[in-house]
Amino acid sequence: MAFTESIKEHIKKTIASKEKQYSAIGTLISTVIMLTPLCGLLFQCGCDWPWFGLDTKCNFYKADVEHQCPWCTSLMTGILSTGLAIISGVWASIVYLCPATNQHAANEVLMRIVFGGTVFVLVAILTAGLAASWQGYPAGIG
């Protein structure tokens, strides 16, 4: 019981400021929106922005293609890759040590979101490469 209480207290201390909370939410929303077009960019599978059809053109839905999108084909690599990237981005936005301490709160939130988004993209590229390699996907980064 004491262990779970100490974890809860540590989490409360970690995300105590409104700036950290807003940046975590902003990073989560932006990474979820960027996820599918990033998939299309990395795997050249046809995935696009939500307002341009999301995954409707993904090669996962085409039975006649030799290789299908690694994130869409394998639930394990898809969820592990994208989940790790999103969680890494959100966590990075929370723990980011802003270089300027006397800045406007909106600037701090924006800097945290940009940092979290950058970490998200870097982790997504790394995990996408691993997923493509494991599945023998030749297109894109694989």
Protein backbone atom coordinates (compact mmCIF):
# COMPACT_ATOMS: atom_id res chain seq x y z
CA MET A 1 0.00 0.00 0.00
CA ALA A 2 2.81 2.40 0.84
CA PHE A 3 4.50 1.60 -2.47
CA THR A 4 1.47 2.62 -4.54
CA GLU A 5 1.04 5.76 -2.45
CA SER A 6 4.64 6.77 -3.08
CA ILE A 7 4.15 6.21 -6.83
CA LYS A 8 1.02 8.37 -6.79
CA GLU A 9 2.84 11.13 -4.92
CA HIS A 10 5.77 10.97 -7.33
CA ILE A 11 3.42 11.26 -10.33
CA LYS A 12 1.62 14.20 -8.73
CA LYS A 13 4.95 15.98 -8.17
CA THR A 14 6.09 15.22 -11.72
CA ILE A 15 3.03 16.76 -13.40
CA ALA A 16 2.26 19.36 -10.75
CA SER A 17 2.42 22.46 -12.94
CA LYS A 18 -0.31 23.48 -15.37
CA GLU A 19 2.35 23.97 -18.05
CA LYS A 20 3.37 20.31 -17.80
CA GLN A 21 -0.24 19.15 -17.85
CA TYR A 22 -1.13 21.33 -20.87
CA SER A 23 2.00 20.24 -22.71
CA ALA A 24 1.25 16.57 -22.06
CA ILE A 25 -2.28 16.97 -23.42
CA GLY A 26 -1.08 19.05 -26.38
CA THR A 27 1.64 16.54 -27.20
CA LEU A 28 -0.78 13.63 -26.95
CA ILE A 29 -3.26 15.29 -29.30
CA SER A 30 -0.59 16.35 -31.81
CA THR A 31 1.11 12.93 -31.86
CA VAL A 32 -2.18 11.12 -32.42
CA ILE A 33 -2.93 13.46 -35.33
CA MET A 34 0.61 13.06 -36.77
CA LEU A 35 0.70 9.28 -36.38
CA THR A 36 -1.05 8.19 -39.57
CA PRO A 37 0.65 10.63 -41.97
CA LEU A 38 3.98 9.69 -40.37
CA CYS A 39 3.13 6.06 -41.09
CA GLY A 40 2.49 6.98 -44.72
CA LEU A 41 5.77 8.89 -44.90
CA LEU A 42 7.86 6.17 -43.26
CA PHE A 43 6.36 3.17 -45.06
CA GLN A 44 5.00 4.87 -48.20
CA CYS A 45 1.88 2.78 -47.64
CA GLY A 46 -0.76 5.37 -48.48
CA CYS A 47 -1.71 6.53 -44.97
CA ASP A 48 -2.45 10.26 -44.80
CA TRP A 49 -3.75 13.08 -42.60
CA PRO A 50 -7.16 12.50 -40.97
CA TRP A 51 -8.81 15.09 -43.23
CA PHE A 52 -7.36 13.38 -46.34
CA GLY A 53 -8.70 9.90 -45.64
CA LEU A 54 -6.51 8.67 -42.77
CA ASP A 55 -5.77 5.02 -43.62
CA THR A 56 -8.30 4.48 -46.42
CA LYS A 57 -5.53 4.34 -49.06
CA CYS A 58 -3.18 2.19 -46.94
CA ASN A 59 -1.75 -0.82 -48.76
CA PHE A 60 -2.97 -2.93 -45.84
CA TYR A 61 -6.40 -2.95 -47.49
CA LYS A 62 -5.06 -4.08 -50.88
CA ALA A 63 -4.97 -7.85 -51.20
CA ASP A 64 -2.82 -7.78 -54.35
CA VAL A 65 0.24 -6.08 -52.83
CA GLU A 66 3.26 -8.15 -51.93
CA HIS A 67 4.10 -6.27 -48.72
CA GLN A 68 1.59 -4.58 -46.45
CA CYS A 69 2.21 -1.77 -43.97
CA PRO A 70 4.12 -3.17 -40.96
CA TRP A 71 2.23 -1.09 -38.39
CA CYS A 72 -1.16 -2.07 -39.80
CA THR A 73 -0.35 -5.71 -40.53
CA SER A 74 0.98 -6.71 -37.13
CA LEU A 75 -1.00 -5.67 -34.12
CA MET A 76 2.02 -6.36 -31.92
CA THR A 77 4.54 -4.22 -33.82
CA GLY A 78 1.95 -1.56 -34.60
CA ILE A 79 0.82 -1.04 -31.02
CA LEU A 80 4.30 -1.43 -29.55
CA SER A 81 5.90 0.95 -32.05
CA THR A 82 3.26 3.65 -32.02
CA GLY A 83 2.51 3.29 -28.32
CA LEU A 84 6.16 3.61 -27.36
CA ALA A 85 6.56 6.63 -29.64
CA ILE A 86 3.48 8.40 -28.24
CA ILE A 87 4.33 7.63 -24.61
CA SER A 88 7.93 8.76 -25.15
CA GLY A 89 6.77 12.03 -26.68
CA VAL A 90 4.29 12.78 -23.91
CA TRP A 91 6.79 11.87 -21.20
CA ALA A 92 9.47 14.01 -22.85
CA SER A 93 7.13 17.00 -22.87
CA ILE A 94 6.56 16.56 -19.14
CA VAL A 95 10.18 16.12 -18.05
CA TYR A 96 11.70 18.65 -20.48
CA LEU A 97 13.84 21.16 -18.61
CA CYS A 98 13.05 24.49 -20.22
CA PRO A 99 16.21 26.56 -20.70
CA ALA A 100 14.55 29.89 -19.87
CA THR A 101 12.87 29.96 -16.47
CA ASN A 102 11.36 33.45 -16.73
CA GLN A 103 9.29 32.91 -19.82
CA HIS A 104 5.61 33.23 -20.50
CA ALA A 105 3.62 30.10 -19.68
CA ALA A 106 2.36 29.75 -23.26
CA ASN A 107 5.94 29.77 -24.56
CA GLU A 108 6.91 27.06 -22.09
CA VAL A 109 3.96 24.90 -23.14
CA LEU A 110 4.83 25.39 -26.80
CA MET A 111 8.50 24.52 -26.21
CA ARG A 112 7.49 21.39 -24.32
CA ILE A 113 5.08 20.31 -27.08
CA VAL A 114 7.73 20.84 -29.76
CA PHE A 115 10.25 18.84 -27.74
CA GLY A 116 7.73 16.06 -27.11
CA GLY A 117 6.81 15.99 -30.81
CA THR A 118 10.46 15.73 -31.77
CA VAL A 119 11.01 12.81 -29.40
CA PHE A 120 7.85 11.18 -30.77
CA VAL A 121 9.10 11.41 -34.37
CA LEU A 122 12.57 10.10 -33.47
CA VAL A 123 11.20 7.12 -31.53
CA ALA A 124 8.64 6.44 -34.29
CA ILE A 125 11.41 6.38 -36.91
CA LEU A 126 13.46 3.98 -34.81
CA THR A 127 10.56 1.64 -34.05
CA ALA A 128 9.28 1.84 -37.64
CA GLY A 129 12.68 0.72 -38.87
CA LEU A 130 12.61 -2.20 -36.46
CA ALA A 131 9.05 -3.16 -37.44
CA ALA A 132 9.89 -2.98 -41.15
CA SER A 133 13.04 -5.02 -40.64
CA TRP A 134 11.27 -7.72 -38.62
CA GLN A 135 8.57 -8.06 -41.26
CA GLY A 136 10.80 -7.78 -44.32
CA TYR A 137 9.04 -4.62 -45.54
CA PRO A 138 11.07 -3.18 -48.44
CA ALA A 139 9.34 0.17 -49.01
CA GLY A 140 9.99 3.34 -47.06
CA ILE A 141 12.63 3.21 -44.39
CA GLY A 142 12.62 -0.57 -44.09
